């Protein structure tokens, strides 16, 4: 869909998610994202343009610190390797993570539960599943071995955030979860509400979450994207690749 036809509400949500994900990246980190990850792709480009120019970007096609000419809508293609300092196999990325060399990974799940476990496999009886998802790919390796994992979802409802996943595809070192309503942080093995986005009430989050929230008194608002962040985001993603996850 052309960028000019994106609704203001969708634009605000996508811009928020891209900016909030970018803020999770620290300068100098080795950062990886999986398949179907255009929001993290935009977030990496934004962080590199702003506060983390020395990050090292790793991707599914195997590119190391690539600088694609433009952000693609598919995060598995060879076009992501343009300008890479080197290219190696996905297996090597798994080995890097397992040896403690991957600082941050962006992953997602069809279900994300209160312990930060994710389900990317199926809902219901595995022999007669109600819904089958694409599978975990490398998440079962990355999630428990990356130093930090940030999860994201473009939808926040009780089905996406149950108390426990119907099936655990991967479990591990979740640091934060970014959603259209809020940011969760892992505290003592449980997701706790860290901040709520501007205009979002605690009741809205409670109603949309399938697990009980921690103490929600005095939960701050997530700082809104600044004008500088939005300008940089539009500069690195002028074609609106970040919106593709919402269709």
Protein backbone atom coordinates (compact mmCIF):
# COMPACT_ATOMS: atom_id res chain seq x y z
CA UNK A 1 0.00 0.00 0.00
CA UNK A 2 1.38 3.46 -0.87
CA UNK A 3 2.63 5.38 2.16
CA UNK A 4 0.28 8.27 1.43
CA UNK A 5 -2.72 5.95 1.93
CA UNK A 6 -1.66 4.78 5.40
CA UNK A 7 -4.14 5.91 8.04
CA UNK A 8 -2.93 8.26 10.74
CA UNK A 9 -3.69 5.68 13.46
CA UNK A 10 -1.71 2.94 11.73
CA UNK A 11 1.14 5.33 11.05
CA UNK A 12 1.28 6.34 14.69
CA UNK A 13 1.29 2.72 15.86
CA UNK A 14 3.96 1.59 13.40
CA UNK A 15 6.15 4.61 14.07
CA UNK A 16 5.88 4.06 17.80
CA UNK A 17 6.83 0.40 17.55
CA UNK A 18 9.79 1.08 15.26
CA UNK A 19 11.08 3.85 17.54
CA UNK A 20 10.51 1.92 20.76
CA UNK A 21 12.32 -1.11 19.32
CA UNK A 22 15.20 1.08 18.16
CA UNK A 23 15.58 2.49 21.65
CA UNK A 24 16.32 -1.01 22.93
CA UNK A 25 19.54 -1.11 20.88
CA UNK A 26 22.76 0.00 22.54
CA UNK A 27 25.67 1.44 20.60
CA UNK A 28 28.25 -1.18 19.72
CA UNK A 29 25.93 -4.17 20.08
CA UNK A 30 25.68 -7.10 17.69
CA UNK A 31 22.02 -7.15 16.69
CA UNK A 32 20.03 -9.85 14.87
CA UNK A 33 16.42 -10.23 13.76
CA UNK A 34 14.56 -13.19 12.28
CA UNK A 35 12.22 -13.67 9.34
CA UNK A 36 9.15 -11.48 8.70
CA UNK A 37 10.73 -8.73 10.78
CA UNK A 38 10.35 -5.45 8.93
CA UNK A 39 9.74 -3.48 12.13
CA UNK A 40 13.05 -4.60 13.67
CA UNK A 41 14.69 -4.01 10.28
CA UNK A 42 13.49 -0.41 10.37
CA UNK A 43 14.47 -0.15 14.04
CA UNK A 44 18.03 -1.26 13.31
CA UNK A 45 18.33 1.28 10.50
CA UNK A 46 16.92 4.00 12.76
CA UNK A 47 19.25 3.17 15.66
CA UNK A 48 22.23 3.16 13.31
CA UNK A 49 21.21 6.59 11.98
CA UNK A 50 20.73 8.06 15.48
CA UNK A 51 22.13 6.81 18.78
CA UNK A 52 23.89 3.54 17.81
CA UNK A 53 26.09 4.19 14.77
CA UNK A 54 28.56 1.49 15.83
CA UNK A 55 26.08 -1.39 16.08
CA UNK A 56 26.85 -4.52 14.06
CA UNK A 57 23.85 -5.74 12.10
CA UNK A 58 23.41 -9.48 11.46
CA UNK A 59 20.60 -10.95 9.36
CA UNK A 60 19.05 -14.16 8.08
CA UNK A 61 20.81 -14.11 4.66
CA UNK A 62 24.11 -14.02 6.56
CA UNK A 63 25.18 -10.44 6.02
CA UNK A 64 27.48 -8.81 8.56
CA UNK A 65 26.94 -5.08 9.01
CA UNK A 66 25.16 -4.73 5.66
CA UNK A 67 23.87 -1.38 4.38
CA UNK A 68 20.96 -2.17 2.03
CA UNK A 69 20.21 0.48 -0.58
CA UNK A 70 16.60 0.45 0.63
CA UNK A 71 14.71 -1.57 3.19
CA UNK A 72 13.04 -4.61 1.57
CA UNK A 73 9.66 -6.00 2.59
CA UNK A 74 11.20 -9.49 2.83
CA UNK A 75 13.89 -9.98 5.48
CA UNK A 76 15.36 -13.16 4.03
CA UNK A 77 16.54 -11.98 0.61
CA UNK A 78 20.10 -11.48 -0.61
CA UNK A 79 19.40 -7.75 -1.13
CA UNK A 80 19.93 -7.41 2.63
CA UNK A 81 23.59 -8.27 2.13
CA UNK A 82 24.41 -5.16 0.11
CA UNK A 83 27.52 -3.53 1.50
CA UNK A 84 28.15 -6.32 4.00
CA UNK A 85 31.67 -6.63 5.35
CA UNK A 86 31.31 -10.40 5.12
CA UNK A 87 28.67 -13.09 4.66
CA UNK A 88 28.39 -16.34 6.55
CA UNK A 89 25.80 -19.01 7.15
CA UNK A 90 22.85 -18.83 9.51
CA UNK A 91 24.38 -21.76 11.38
CA UNK A 92 27.33 -19.53 12.20
CA UNK A 93 24.95 -16.96 13.70
CA UNK A 94 23.52 -19.70 15.91
CA UNK A 95 27.04 -20.65 16.94
CA UNK A 96 27.85 -17.01 17.66
CA UNK A 97 24.79 -16.73 19.90
CA UNK A 98 25.54 -20.01 21.66
CA UNK A 99 29.06 -18.82 22.44
CA UNK A 100 27.81 -15.58 23.98
CA UNK A 101 28.61 -13.29 21.06
CA UNK A 102 25.11 -12.09 20.17
CA UNK A 103 24.09 -9.07 22.22
CA UNK A 104 20.49 -8.54 21.12
CA UNK A 105 17.94 -10.49 19.10
CA UNK A 106 14.50 -9.35 17.98
CA UNK A 107 11.97 -12.19 17.85
CA UNK A 108 8.21 -12.58 18.01
CA UNK A 109 5.53 -15.18 18.61
CA UNK A 110 1.90 -15.88 17.83
CA UNK A 111 1.55 -16.30 21.60
CA UNK A 112 3.75 -14.68 24.26
CA UNK A 113 3.03 -15.73 27.81
CA UNK A 114 3.76 -14.27 31.22
CA UNK A 115 7.15 -16.05 31.40
CA UNK A 116 8.23 -14.72 28.02
CA UNK A 117 7.84 -18.11 26.35
CA UNK A 118 6.69 -17.99 22.73
CA UNK A 119 4.50 -20.20 20.58
CA UNK A 120 5.15 -20.27 16.85
CA UNK A 121 3.97 -23.85 16.31
CA UNK A 122 0.25 -24.54 16.69
CA UNK A 123 -2.91 -24.10 18.76
CA UNK A 124 -4.79 -27.15 20.04
CA UNK A 125 -4.09 -30.86 19.66
CA UNK A 126 -0.93 -31.25 17.55
CA UNK A 127 -2.59 -34.09 15.63
CA UNK A 128 -5.59 -31.92 14.78
CA UNK A 129 -4.40 -28.39 15.37
CA UNK A 130 -6.94 -25.57 15.23
CA UNK A 131 -4.25 -23.27 13.84
CA UNK A 132 -0.78 -24.04 12.54
CA UNK A 133 1.90 -21.36 12.60
CA UNK A 134 5.05 -21.28 10.46
CA UNK A 135 7.28 -22.78 13.16
CA UNK A 136 10.06 -21.50 15.31
CA UNK A 137 12.95 -21.59 12.80
CA UNK A 138 15.99 -20.60 14.88
CA UNK A 139 14.12 -19.09 17.83
CA UNK A 140 14.68 -22.20 19.98
CA UNK A 141 18.43 -21.56 19.63
CA UNK A 142 18.49 -17.77 19.74
CA UNK A 143 16.01 -17.11 22.56
CA UNK A 144 17.93 -19.00 25.27
CA UNK A 145 21.42 -18.01 24.14
CA UNK A 146 21.37 -14.34 23.04
CA UNK A 147 22.39 -12.01 25.83
CA UNK A 148 19.09 -10.15 25.46
CA UNK A 149 15.96 -10.81 23.44
CA UNK A 150 13.30 -8.21 22.73
CA UNK A 151 9.95 -9.55 21.56
CA UNK A 152 7.31 -7.57 19.71
CA UNK A 153 3.74 -7.99 18.53
CA UNK A 154 1.70 -5.76 16.23
CA UNK A 155 -1.50 -6.95 17.98
CA UNK A 156 -2.11 -6.87 21.72
CA UNK A 157 -5.05 -9.03 22.80
CA UNK A 158 -5.73 -11.80 25.29
CA UNK A 159 -5.17 -14.53 22.70
CA UNK A 160 -1.73 -13.18 21.87
CA UNK A 161 -0.80 -12.75 25.55
CA UNK A 162 -2.12 -15.78 27.50
CA UNK A 163 -1.06 -16.81 30.99
CA UNK A 164 0.71 -19.80 29.44
CA UNK A 165 1.38 -20.66 25.81
CA UNK A 166 -0.58 -23.63 24.50
CA UNK A 167 2.73 -24.94 23.19
CA UNK A 168 6.20 -23.60 23.95
CA UNK A 169 8.28 -23.26 20.80
CA UNK A 170 11.08 -21.40 22.54
CA UNK A 171 11.97 -20.14 25.98
CA UNK A 172 14.86 -18.05 27.17
CA UNK A 173 16.34 -14.65 27.88
CA UNK A 174 13.54 -12.20 27.21
CA UNK A 175 14.36 -8.67 28.31
CA UNK A 176 11.37 -6.69 27.06
CA UNK A 177 8.20 -7.04 25.00
CA UNK A 178 6.99 -4.12 22.90
CA UNK A 179 3.33 -3.96 21.85
CA UNK A 180 0.97 -1.31 20.44
CA UNK A 181 -0.25 -0.63 23.99
CA UNK A 182 2.75 -0.89 26.27
CA UNK A 183 6.20 -2.20 27.08
CA UNK A 184 6.67 -5.18 29.37
CA UNK A 185 9.92 -5.92 31.19
CA UNK A 186 11.01 -9.27 32.54
CA UNK A 187 11.34 -9.11 36.33
CA UNK A 188 12.07 -12.23 38.39
CA UNK A 189 10.88 -14.51 35.61
CA UNK A 190 7.60 -12.73 34.89
CA UNK A 191 6.57 -10.02 32.46
CA UNK A 192 5.77 -6.83 34.33
CA UNK A 193 4.31 -3.62 32.98
CA UNK A 194 7.11 -1.11 32.51
CA UNK A 195 5.27 1.68 30.68
CA UNK A 196 2.04 2.41 28.85
CA UNK A 197 1.94 4.36 25.65
CA UNK A 198 0.39 7.81 25.53
CA UNK A 199 -3.42 7.66 25.49
CA UNK A 200 -3.49 4.04 26.71
CA UNK A 201 -5.12 3.36 30.07
CA UNK A 202 -4.28 0.60 32.53
CA UNK A 203 -7.78 -0.79 32.01
CA UNK A 204 -7.17 -1.05 28.26
CA UNK A 205 -4.03 -3.08 28.90
CA UNK A 206 -5.72 -5.29 31.50
CA UNK A 207 -8.64 -5.99 29.17
CA UNK A 208 -6.28 -6.92 26.34
CA UNK A 209 -3.94 -9.15 28.36
CA UNK A 210 -4.65 -12.78 29.27
CA UNK A 211 -2.46 -12.77 32.37
CA UNK A 212 -2.62 -10.74 35.57
CA UNK A 213 -0.49 -7.62 35.60
CA UNK A 214 1.93 -6.67 38.33
CA UNK A 215 1.37 -3.64 40.50
CA UNK A 216 0.24 -0.96 38.08
CA UNK A 217 0.27 2.07 40.33
CA UNK A 218 2.26 4.98 38.94
CA UNK A 219 3.17 3.18 35.71
CA UNK A 220 4.75 5.91 33.55
CA UNK A 221 3.91 6.75 29.97
CA UNK A 222 6.35 5.61 27.33
CA UNK A 223 8.08 8.75 26.01
CA UNK A 224 6.57 9.53 22.64
CA UNK A 225 8.81 9.47 19.55
CA UNK A 226 10.57 12.79 19.19
CA UNK A 227 10.45 14.86 16.02
CA UNK A 228 14.10 13.96 15.42
CA UNK A 229 13.33 10.24 15.74
CA UNK A 230 10.39 10.48 13.33
CA UNK A 231 12.46 12.46 10.83
CA UNK A 232 15.26 9.86 11.00
CA UNK A 233 12.75 7.00 10.69
CA UNK A 234 11.21 8.50 7.57
CA UNK A 235 14.70 9.05 6.17
CA UNK A 236 15.74 5.40 6.56
CA UNK A 237 12.33 4.00 5.58
CA UNK A 238 10.79 6.43 3.08
CA UNK A 239 8.80 3.66 1.37
CA UNK A 240 7.09 2.61 4.60
CA UNK A 241 8.37 -0.95 4.86
CA UNK A 242 7.57 -0.79 8.59
CA UNK A 243 3.85 -0.73 7.75
CA UNK A 244 3.92 -4.11 6.00
CA UNK A 245 3.56 -6.12 9.21
CA UNK A 246 0.07 -4.68 9.70
CA UNK A 247 -1.44 -6.09 6.49
